[in-house]
């Protein structure tokens, strides 16, 4: 993982924190890095978000990815990605 990846993940953490979610960048011993997000009002609602590049025909675009491997959102808009995560982790009645 490079510094660009880490910077993108930290930007997402900042946006998630602004939405009242608990988020932190986790680095495993194997080198895997992701954002662990938890809804503090319903701690069973949690998600791990990764960041990686996807090769396009003429360049590489960076994206946030859901834990199940689906592309979520471009890293150029961490606020938009945080909104999606907040929506998925919202408890009933929030």
N, C-alpha and C. Protein backbone atom coordinates (compact mmCIF):
# COMPACT_ATOMS: atom_id res chain seq x y z
N UNK A 1 0.85 -1.18 0.00
CA UNK A 1 0.00 0.00 0.00
C UNK A 1 0.88 1.23 0.00
N UNK A 2 0.57 2.19 -0.86
CA UNK A 2 1.34 3.42 -0.93
C UNK A 2 0.72 4.53 -0.11
N UNK A 3 1.42 5.64 -0.09
CA UNK A 3 0.92 6.80 0.66
C UNK A 3 -0.37 7.35 0.08
N UNK A 4 -0.55 7.25 -1.25
CA UNK A 4 -1.79 7.73 -1.86
C UNK A 4 -2.99 6.96 -1.32
N UNK A 5 -2.86 5.63 -1.23
CA UNK A 5 -3.95 4.81 -0.70
C UNK A 5 -4.31 5.24 0.71
N UNK A 6 -3.27 5.38 1.54
CA UNK A 6 -3.49 5.73 2.94
C UNK A 6 -4.15 7.11 3.05
N UNK A 7 -3.69 8.05 2.24
CA UNK A 7 -4.27 9.40 2.26
C UNK A 7 -5.75 9.36 1.89
N UNK A 8 -6.10 8.57 0.88
CA UNK A 8 -7.51 8.44 0.48
C UNK A 8 -8.34 7.85 1.62
N UNK A 9 -7.82 6.85 2.30
CA UNK A 9 -8.54 6.24 3.41
C UNK A 9 -8.71 7.22 4.56
N UNK A 10 -7.69 8.00 4.85
CA UNK A 10 -7.79 8.99 5.93
C UNK A 10 -8.81 10.08 5.59
N UNK A 11 -8.90 10.46 4.34
CA UNK A 11 -9.91 11.45 3.94
C UNK A 11 -11.30 10.88 4.16
N UNK A 12 -11.49 9.60 3.88
CA UNK A 12 -12.78 8.96 4.11
C UNK A 12 -13.09 8.91 5.61
N UNK A 13 -12.11 8.59 6.44
CA UNK A 13 -12.31 8.57 7.89
C UNK A 13 -12.81 9.92 8.38
N UNK A 14 -12.21 10.99 7.91
CA UNK A 14 -12.64 12.34 8.31
C UNK A 14 -14.10 12.57 7.97
N UNK A 15 -14.51 12.19 6.78
CA UNK A 15 -15.91 12.38 6.35
C UNK A 15 -16.86 11.49 7.16
N UNK A 16 -16.46 10.27 7.45
CA UNK A 16 -17.31 9.37 8.24
C UNK A 16 -17.47 9.89 9.66
N UNK A 17 -16.39 10.39 10.23
CA UNK A 17 -16.46 10.98 11.57
C UNK A 17 -17.45 12.14 11.62
N UNK A 18 -17.47 12.95 10.58
CA UNK A 18 -18.41 14.09 10.50
C UNK A 18 -19.86 13.63 10.48
N UNK A 19 -20.08 12.40 10.10
CA UNK A 19 -21.45 11.84 10.04
C UNK A 19 -21.80 11.04 11.28
N UNK A 20 -20.95 11.13 12.30
CA UNK A 20 -21.24 10.47 13.57
C UNK A 20 -20.88 8.99 13.63
N UNK A 21 -20.17 8.51 12.64
CA UNK A 21 -19.74 7.11 12.63
C UNK A 21 -18.34 7.01 13.21
N UNK A 22 -18.03 5.89 13.82
CA UNK A 22 -16.67 5.63 14.30
C UNK A 22 -15.91 4.97 13.17
N UNK A 23 -14.78 5.56 12.80
CA UNK A 23 -14.00 5.03 11.68
C UNK A 23 -12.52 5.19 11.98
N UNK A 24 -11.76 4.20 11.52
CA UNK A 24 -10.30 4.27 11.66
C UNK A 24 -9.66 3.43 10.58
N UNK A 25 -8.45 3.82 10.22
CA UNK A 25 -7.68 3.04 9.25
C UNK A 25 -7.01 1.90 10.01
N UNK A 26 -7.16 0.69 9.49
CA UNK A 26 -6.57 -0.50 10.08
C UNK A 26 -5.54 -1.05 9.11
N UNK A 27 -4.37 -1.38 9.64
CA UNK A 27 -3.31 -2.00 8.86
C UNK A 27 -3.01 -3.37 9.47
N UNK A 28 -3.23 -4.42 8.71
CA UNK A 28 -3.00 -5.76 9.23
C UNK A 28 -1.53 -6.15 9.08
N UNK A 29 -1.15 -7.22 9.76
CA UNK A 29 0.24 -7.71 9.65
C UNK A 29 0.58 -8.13 8.23
N UNK A 30 -0.42 -8.58 7.50
CA UNK A 30 -0.18 -9.02 6.11
C UNK A 30 -0.04 -7.85 5.15
N UNK A 31 -0.30 -6.62 5.64
CA UNK A 31 -0.17 -5.45 4.79
C UNK A 31 -1.49 -4.93 4.25
N UNK A 32 -2.56 -5.67 4.47
CA UNK A 32 -3.88 -5.23 4.02
C UNK A 32 -4.30 -4.01 4.84
N UNK A 33 -4.82 -3.01 4.17
CA UNK A 33 -5.25 -1.78 4.83
C UNK A 33 -6.68 -1.47 4.43
N UNK A 34 -7.48 -1.05 5.40
CA UNK A 34 -8.88 -0.73 5.15
C UNK A 34 -9.39 0.22 6.22
N UNK A 35 -10.57 0.78 5.99
CA UNK A 35 -11.24 1.60 6.99
C UNK A 35 -12.30 0.74 7.66
N UNK A 36 -12.24 0.62 8.96
CA UNK A 36 -13.25 -0.08 9.75
C UNK A 36 -14.23 0.98 10.21
N UNK A 37 -15.51 0.81 9.86
CA UNK A 37 -16.55 1.78 10.19
C UNK A 37 -17.61 1.10 11.05
N UNK A 38 -18.00 1.76 12.13
CA UNK A 38 -19.02 1.23 13.03
C UNK A 38 -20.02 2.33 13.34
N UNK A 39 -21.29 1.97 13.35
CA UNK A 39 -22.34 2.89 13.79
C UNK A 39 -22.40 2.79 15.31
N UNK A 40 -22.04 3.85 16.05
CA UNK A 40 -22.00 3.76 17.52
C UNK A 40 -23.40 3.59 18.15
N UNK A 41 -24.45 3.87 17.40
CA UNK A 41 -25.81 3.71 17.91
C UNK A 41 -26.32 2.29 17.71
N UNK A 42 -25.62 1.53 16.89
CA UNK A 42 -25.98 0.13 16.62
C UNK A 42 -24.70 -0.57 16.20
N UNK A 43 -23.91 -1.00 17.16
CA UNK A 43 -22.56 -1.48 16.88
C UNK A 43 -22.50 -2.75 16.03
N UNK A 44 -23.61 -3.42 15.87
CA UNK A 44 -23.61 -4.58 14.96
C UNK A 44 -23.60 -4.13 13.50
N UNK A 45 -23.87 -2.86 13.26
CA UNK A 45 -23.82 -2.30 11.91
C UNK A 45 -22.40 -1.78 11.66
N UNK A 46 -21.65 -2.53 10.87
CA UNK A 46 -20.25 -2.19 10.62
C UNK A 46 -19.88 -2.58 9.19
N UNK A 47 -18.82 -1.98 8.71
CA UNK A 47 -18.36 -2.25 7.34
C UNK A 47 -16.86 -1.99 7.27
N UNK A 48 -16.18 -2.72 6.39
CA UNK A 48 -14.78 -2.47 6.07
C UNK A 48 -14.72 -1.96 4.64
N UNK A 49 -14.08 -0.82 4.46
CA UNK A 49 -13.96 -0.20 3.14
C UNK A 49 -12.49 -0.18 2.74
N UNK A 50 -12.22 -0.65 1.52
CA UNK A 50 -10.85 -0.63 1.01
C UNK A 50 -10.72 0.46 -0.06
N UNK A 51 -9.50 0.66 -0.49
CA UNK A 51 -9.22 1.63 -1.54
C UNK A 51 -8.19 1.01 -2.46
N UNK A 52 -8.48 1.03 -3.75
CA UNK A 52 -7.51 0.52 -4.70
C UNK A 52 -7.78 1.10 -6.09
N UNK A 53 -6.77 1.00 -6.90
CA UNK A 53 -6.87 1.52 -8.27
C UNK A 53 -7.51 0.46 -9.16
N UNK A 54 -8.19 0.95 -10.16
CA UNK A 54 -8.72 0.09 -11.21
C UNK A 54 -8.17 0.63 -12.52
N UNK A 55 -7.53 -0.23 -13.24
CA UNK A 55 -6.93 0.20 -14.51
C UNK A 55 -8.01 0.52 -15.52
N UNK A 56 -7.89 1.67 -16.12
CA UNK A 56 -8.77 2.08 -17.22
C UNK A 56 -7.92 2.03 -18.49
N UNK A 57 -8.52 2.11 -19.65
CA UNK A 57 -7.74 2.02 -20.90
C UNK A 57 -6.57 3.00 -20.98
N UNK A 58 -6.75 4.21 -20.49
CA UNK A 58 -5.68 5.20 -20.65
C UNK A 58 -5.04 5.65 -19.33
N UNK A 59 -5.56 5.21 -18.19
CA UNK A 59 -5.02 5.63 -16.89
C UNK A 59 -5.56 4.74 -15.78
N UNK A 60 -5.15 5.03 -14.55
CA UNK A 60 -5.65 4.30 -13.39
C UNK A 60 -6.54 5.21 -12.57
N UNK A 61 -7.73 4.75 -12.28
CA UNK A 61 -8.66 5.49 -11.43
C UNK A 61 -8.72 4.80 -10.07
N UNK A 62 -8.77 5.61 -9.01
CA UNK A 62 -8.83 5.09 -7.64
C UNK A 62 -10.26 5.11 -7.14
N UNK A 63 -10.63 4.04 -6.43
CA UNK A 63 -11.99 3.90 -5.91
C UNK A 63 -11.98 3.36 -4.49
N UNK A 64 -13.07 3.66 -3.78
CA UNK A 64 -13.37 2.97 -2.53
C UNK A 64 -14.19 1.74 -2.91
N UNK A 65 -13.99 0.65 -2.17
CA UNK A 65 -14.66 -0.62 -2.46
C UNK A 65 -15.33 -1.15 -1.21
N UNK A 66 -16.54 -1.70 -1.38
CA UNK A 66 -17.24 -2.38 -0.29
C UNK A 66 -16.49 -3.65 0.07
N UNK A 67 -16.75 -4.17 1.26
CA UNK A 67 -16.06 -5.39 1.72
C UNK A 67 -16.36 -6.60 0.85
N UNK A 68 -17.49 -6.60 0.17
CA UNK A 68 -17.84 -7.75 -0.68
C UNK A 68 -17.26 -7.62 -2.10
N UNK A 69 -16.41 -6.61 -2.32
CA UNK A 69 -15.69 -6.49 -3.58
C UNK A 69 -16.34 -5.64 -4.64
N UNK A 70 -17.43 -4.98 -4.31
CA UNK A 70 -18.10 -4.11 -5.27
C UNK A 70 -17.53 -2.70 -5.18
N UNK A 71 -17.28 -2.11 -6.35
CA UNK A 71 -16.80 -0.72 -6.39
C UNK A 71 -17.89 0.19 -5.83
N UNK A 72 -17.49 1.08 -4.90
CA UNK A 72 -18.45 1.95 -4.25
C UNK A 72 -18.48 3.36 -4.83
N UNK A 73 -17.31 4.02 -4.86
CA UNK A 73 -17.30 5.45 -5.16
C UNK A 73 -15.87 5.88 -5.48
N UNK A 74 -15.73 6.91 -6.28
CA UNK A 74 -14.41 7.46 -6.59
C UNK A 74 -13.79 8.12 -5.36
N UNK A 75 -12.46 8.03 -5.26
CA UNK A 75 -11.78 8.65 -4.12
C UNK A 75 -11.74 10.17 -4.23
N UNK A 76 -12.07 10.68 -5.40
CA UNK A 76 -12.10 12.13 -5.59
C UNK A 76 -13.25 12.79 -4.82
N UNK A 77 -14.18 11.98 -4.33
CA UNK A 77 -15.35 12.49 -3.60
C UNK A 77 -15.56 11.67 -2.33
N UNK A 78 -14.68 11.85 -1.32
CA UNK A 78 -14.84 11.08 -0.09
C UNK A 78 -16.14 11.39 0.65
N UNK A 79 -16.66 12.60 0.49
CA UNK A 79 -17.94 12.95 1.13
C UNK A 79 -19.07 12.11 0.54
N UNK A 80 -19.07 11.92 -0.76
CA UNK A 80 -20.09 11.09 -1.40
C UNK A 80 -19.98 9.64 -0.95
N UNK A 81 -18.76 9.14 -0.83
CA UNK A 81 -18.56 7.77 -0.34
C UNK A 81 -19.04 7.64 1.09
N UNK A 82 -18.73 8.62 1.93
CA UNK A 82 -19.16 8.58 3.33
C UNK A 82 -20.68 8.60 3.44
N UNK A 83 -21.34 9.35 2.57
CA UNK A 83 -22.80 9.38 2.57
C UNK A 83 -23.37 8.00 2.25
N UNK A 84 -22.77 7.30 1.30
CA UNK A 84 -23.22 5.96 0.96
C UNK A 84 -23.04 5.00 2.14
N UNK A 85 -21.87 5.06 2.79
CA UNK A 85 -21.61 4.19 3.93
C UNK A 85 -22.58 4.50 5.06
N UNK A 86 -22.80 5.78 5.33
CA UNK A 86 -23.71 6.18 6.41
C UNK A 86 -25.12 5.66 6.13
N UNK A 87 -25.55 5.70 4.89
CA UNK A 87 -26.88 5.21 4.52
C UNK A 87 -26.98 3.70 4.77
N UNK A 88 -25.94 2.96 4.40
CA UNK A 88 -25.95 1.51 4.58
C UNK A 88 -25.92 1.14 6.08
N UNK A 89 -25.20 1.90 6.87
CA UNK A 89 -25.05 1.59 8.29
C UNK A 89 -26.09 2.27 9.18
N UNK A 90 -27.06 2.96 8.60
CA UNK A 90 -28.06 3.66 9.41
C UNK A 90 -28.95 2.65 10.14
N UNK A 91 -29.17 2.92 11.41
CA UNK A 91 -30.08 2.11 12.21
C UNK A 91 -31.51 2.53 11.90
N UNK A 92 -32.45 1.64 12.10
CA UNK A 92 -33.86 1.96 11.89
C UNK A 92 -34.21 3.15 12.76
N UNK A 93 -34.86 4.14 12.16
CA UNK A 93 -35.27 5.33 12.90
C UNK A 93 -34.25 6.46 12.91
N UNK A 94 -33.09 6.23 12.35
CA UNK A 94 -32.09 7.31 12.30
C UNK A 94 -32.41 8.28 11.20
